[in-house]
Amino acid sequence: MKVRLPDKLAQFADHWNPRIVARHNDSEVRVAKLLGAFTWHAHPTTDELFLCLHGRLTIEFRDAPPAILNAGDLLVVPASVEHRPVAEEECHILLIDRAGEPNTGDAPSHLTRATLDAI
């Protein structure tokens, strides 16, 4: 089934609340709008893929220099690597995570979404 990402992103305005737009094998394809700093976290047993669709996203790491993603840039954060996404201005991203993987990984916070909406 064809998915138009701009149409999906136009359906919501809130930040740090990923929506599921497709499923691929045991993974969820998610889109989100980001603004400000997220919580430090890691995903102990799964990688996390970030694709910047619009704007600029910085992924900070505890033990490495930050990665700066502009529209069209992709980054895979390996399992168990602690990271924190930061968006100085609103940016739009596509994420690929294992189905059911919490958006805050191993660090529950006020930004944790117990369930994600599919749109």
C-alpha atoms as a PDB file:
ATOM      1  CA  MET A   1       0.000   0.000   0.000  1.00  0.00           C
ATOM      2  CA  LYS A   2       1.318   3.408  -0.987  1.00  0.00           C
ATOM      3  CA  VAL A   3       1.965   5.902   1.832  1.00  0.00           C
ATOM      4  CA  ARG A   4       2.377   9.632   1.203  1.00  0.00           C
ATOM      5  CA  LEU A   5       4.488  10.903   4.079  1.00  0.00           C
ATOM      6  CA  PRO A   6       3.546  14.596   3.673  1.00  0.00           C
ATOM      7  CA  ASP A   7      -0.135  13.623   3.922  1.00  0.00           C
ATOM      8  CA  LYS A   8       0.495  11.596   7.078  1.00  0.00           C
ATOM      9  CA  LEU A   9       2.532  14.388   8.681  1.00  0.00           C
ATOM     10  CA  ALA A  10      -0.232  16.891   7.888  1.00  0.00           C
ATOM     11  CA  GLN A  11      -2.633  14.907  10.099  1.00  0.00           C
ATOM     12  CA  PHE A  12      -1.047  16.017  13.393  1.00  0.00           C
ATOM     13  CA  ALA A  13       0.812  18.927  14.970  1.00  0.00           C
ATOM     14  CA  ASP A  14       2.120  17.642  18.310  1.00  0.00           C
ATOM     15  CA  HIS A  15       5.777  16.871  18.974  1.00  0.00           C
ATOM     16  CA  TRP A  16       7.511  13.705  20.206  1.00  0.00           C
ATOM     17  CA  ASN A  17       4.466  11.515  19.521  1.00  0.00           C
ATOM     18  CA  PRO A  18       5.340   9.087  16.695  1.00  0.00           C
ATOM     19  CA  ARG A  19       2.600   7.661  14.494  1.00  0.00           C
ATOM     20  CA  ILE A  20       2.794   4.303  12.750  1.00  0.00           C
ATOM     21  CA  VAL A  21       2.393   4.675   8.976  1.00  0.00           C
ATOM     22  CA  ALA A  22       3.406   1.165   7.869  1.00  0.00           C
ATOM     23  CA  ARG A  23       4.653  -2.171   9.100  1.00  0.00           C
ATOM     24  CA  HIS A  24       7.602  -4.028   7.635  1.00  0.00           C
ATOM     25  CA  ASN A  25       8.270  -7.570   8.852  1.00  0.00           C
ATOM     26  CA  ASP A  26       8.723  -7.169  12.638  1.00  0.00           C
ATOM     27  CA  SER A  27       9.213  -3.395  12.455  1.00  0.00           C
ATOM     28  CA  GLU A  28       7.079  -0.288  12.523  1.00  0.00           C
ATOM     29  CA  VAL A  29       7.656   2.626  10.164  1.00  0.00           C
ATOM     30  CA  ARG A  30       6.853   5.746  12.174  1.00  0.00           C
ATOM     31  CA  VAL A  31       6.723   9.463  11.468  1.00  0.00           C
ATOM     32  CA  ALA A  32       7.045  12.234  14.029  1.00  0.00           C
ATOM     33  CA  LYS A  33       7.440  15.954  14.424  1.00  0.00           C
ATOM     34  CA  LEU A  34      10.166  17.024  16.834  1.00  0.00           C
ATOM     35  CA  LEU A  35      10.951  20.246  18.646  1.00  0.00           C
ATOM     36  CA  GLY A  36      13.328  20.729  21.571  1.00  0.00           C
ATOM     37  CA  ALA A  37      15.289  18.024  23.355  1.00  0.00           C
ATOM     38  CA  PHE A  38      14.135  14.448  23.933  1.00  0.00           C
ATOM     39  CA  THR A  39      15.211  12.280  26.871  1.00  0.00           C
ATOM     40  CA  TRP A  40      18.510  10.409  26.996  1.00  0.00           C
ATOM     41  CA  HIS A  41      17.780   6.739  26.292  1.00  0.00           C
ATOM     42  CA  ALA A  42      18.958   3.560  24.594  1.00  0.00           C
ATOM     43  CA  HIS A  43      17.255   0.583  23.002  1.00  0.00           C
ATOM     44  CA  PRO A  44      19.100  -2.357  24.586  1.00  0.00           C
ATOM     45  CA  THR A  45      18.323  -5.027  21.983  1.00  0.00           C
ATOM     46  CA  THR A  46      17.405  -3.212  18.783  1.00  0.00           C
ATOM     47  CA  ASP A  47      18.828  -0.611  16.408  1.00  0.00           C
ATOM     48  CA  GLU A  48      16.866   2.571  15.668  1.00  0.00           C
ATOM     49  CA  LEU A  49      16.780   4.189  12.233  1.00  0.00           C
ATOM     50  CA  PHE A  50      16.280   7.959  11.820  1.00  0.00           C
ATOM     51  CA  LEU A  51      15.601   9.585   8.438  1.00  0.00           C
ATOM     52  CA  CYS A  52      15.315  13.371   8.497  1.00  0.00           C
ATOM     53  CA  LEU A  53      12.532  14.433   6.134  1.00  0.00           C
ATOM     54  CA  HIS A  54      12.379  18.161   6.872  1.00  0.00           C
ATOM     55  CA  GLY A  55      14.529  20.507   8.907  1.00  0.00           C
ATOM     56  CA  ARG A  56      17.576  19.594  10.940  1.00  0.00           C
ATOM     57  CA  LEU A  57      18.016  17.048  13.729  1.00  0.00           C
ATOM     58  CA  THR A  58      20.963  16.587  16.049  1.00  0.00           C
ATOM     59  CA  ILE A  59      21.464  13.175  17.646  1.00  0.00           C
ATOM     60  CA  GLU A  60      23.658  13.574  20.720  1.00  0.00           C
ATOM     61  CA  PHE A  61      25.691  10.680  22.129  1.00  0.00           C
ATOM     62  CA  ARG A  62      27.253  10.255  25.560  1.00  0.00           C
ATOM     63  CA  ASP A  63      30.494   8.817  24.188  1.00  0.00           C
ATOM     64  CA  ALA A  64      30.798  10.286  20.683  1.00  0.00           C
ATOM     65  CA  PRO A  65      30.386  13.569  18.830  1.00  0.00           C
ATOM     66  CA  PRO A  66      26.832  14.444  17.814  1.00  0.00           C
ATOM     67  CA  ALA A  67      25.452  13.510  14.397  1.00  0.00           C
ATOM     68  CA  ILE A  68      23.690  16.298  12.520  1.00  0.00           C
ATOM     69  CA  LEU A  69      20.990  15.197  10.102  1.00  0.00           C
ATOM     70  CA  ASN A  70      19.589  17.488   7.430  1.00  0.00           C
ATOM     71  CA  ALA A  71      16.655  16.624   5.168  1.00  0.00           C
ATOM     72  CA  GLY A  72      17.557  13.452   3.285  1.00  0.00           C
ATOM     73  CA  ASP A  73      20.125  12.231   5.839  1.00  0.00           C
ATOM     74  CA  LEU A  74      19.756   8.835   7.513  1.00  0.00           C
ATOM     75  CA  LEU A  75      21.371   7.476  10.681  1.00  0.00           C
ATOM     76  CA  VAL A  76      21.140   4.097  12.395  1.00  0.00           C
ATOM     77  CA  VAL A  77      21.778   4.194  16.134  1.00  0.00           C
ATOM     78  CA  PRO A  78      23.063   0.751  17.151  1.00  0.00           C
ATOM     79  CA  ALA A  79      21.394  -1.217  19.931  1.00  0.00           C
ATOM     80  CA  SER A  80      22.404  -0.158  23.460  1.00  0.00           C
ATOM     81  CA  VAL A  81      23.950   3.175  22.369  1.00  0.00           C
ATOM     82  CA  GLU A  82      22.662   5.979  24.583  1.00  0.00           C
ATOM     83  CA  HIS A  83      21.424   8.937  22.548  1.00  0.00           C
ATOM     84  CA  ARG A  84      19.237  12.037  22.666  1.00  0.00           C
ATOM     85  CA  PRO A  85      17.554  13.639  19.656  1.00  0.00           C
ATOM     86  CA  VAL A  86      17.455  17.443  19.688  1.00  0.00           C
ATOM     87  CA  ALA A  87      15.618  19.719  17.235  1.00  0.00           C
ATOM     88  CA  GLU A  88      16.311  23.449  17.613  1.00  0.00           C
ATOM     89  CA  GLU A  89      13.496  24.127  15.134  1.00  0.00           C
ATOM     90  CA  GLU A  90      10.658  21.804  14.188  1.00  0.00           C
ATOM     91  CA  CYS A  91      11.790  18.898  12.093  1.00  0.00           C
ATOM     92  CA  HIS A  92       9.985  15.911  10.611  1.00  0.00           C
ATOM     93  CA  ILE A  93      11.445  12.423  10.727  1.00  0.00           C
ATOM     94  CA  LEU A  94      10.778   8.852   9.715  1.00  0.00           C
ATOM     95  CA  LEU A  95      11.788   6.201  12.259  1.00  0.00           C
ATOM     96  CA  ILE A  96      12.043   2.453  11.962  1.00  0.00           C
ATOM     97  CA  ASP A  97      11.791   0.564  15.250  1.00  0.00           C
ATOM     98  CA  ARG A  98      10.945  -2.987  16.192  1.00  0.00           C
ATOM     99  CA  ALA A  99       7.185  -3.365  16.611  1.00  0.00           C
ATOM    100  CA  GLY A 100       6.159  -2.420  20.151  1.00  0.00           C
ATOM    101  CA  GLU A 101       9.535  -0.864  21.012  1.00  0.00           C
ATOM    102  CA  PRO A 102       8.935   2.032  23.449  1.00  0.00           C
ATOM    103  CA  ASN A 103       9.781   5.416  21.965  1.00  0.00           C
ATOM    104  CA  THR A 104      11.905   6.181  25.051  1.00  0.00           C
ATOM    105  CA  GLY A 105      13.664   2.806  25.039  1.00  0.00           C
ATOM    106  CA  ASP A 106      15.019   1.928  28.467  1.00  0.00           C
ATOM    107  CA  ALA A 107      14.290   5.351  30.032  1.00  0.00           C
ATOM    108  CA  PRO A 108      10.579   5.903  30.651  1.00  0.00           C
ATOM    109  CA  SER A 109       9.670   9.581  31.011  1.00  0.00           C
ATOM    110  CA  HIS A 110       6.801  12.004  30.510  1.00  0.00           C
ATOM    111  CA  LEU A 111       7.469  11.592  26.760  1.00  0.00           C
ATOM    112  CA  THR A 112       6.865   7.833  26.775  1.00  0.00           C
ATOM    113  CA  ARG A 113       3.873   6.787  24.685  1.00  0.00           C
ATOM    114  CA  ALA A 114       2.272   3.589  26.017  1.00  0.00           C
ATOM    115  CA  THR A 115       0.779   2.911  22.597  1.00  0.00           C
ATOM    116  CA  LEU A 116       1.302   4.559  19.254  1.00  0.00           C
ATOM    117  CA  ASP A 117      -1.536   5.527  16.940  1.00  0.00           C
ATOM    118  CA  ALA A 118      -1.543   4.130  13.422  1.00  0.00           C
ATOM    119  CA  ILE A 119      -2.533   6.654  10.771  1.00  0.00           C
END
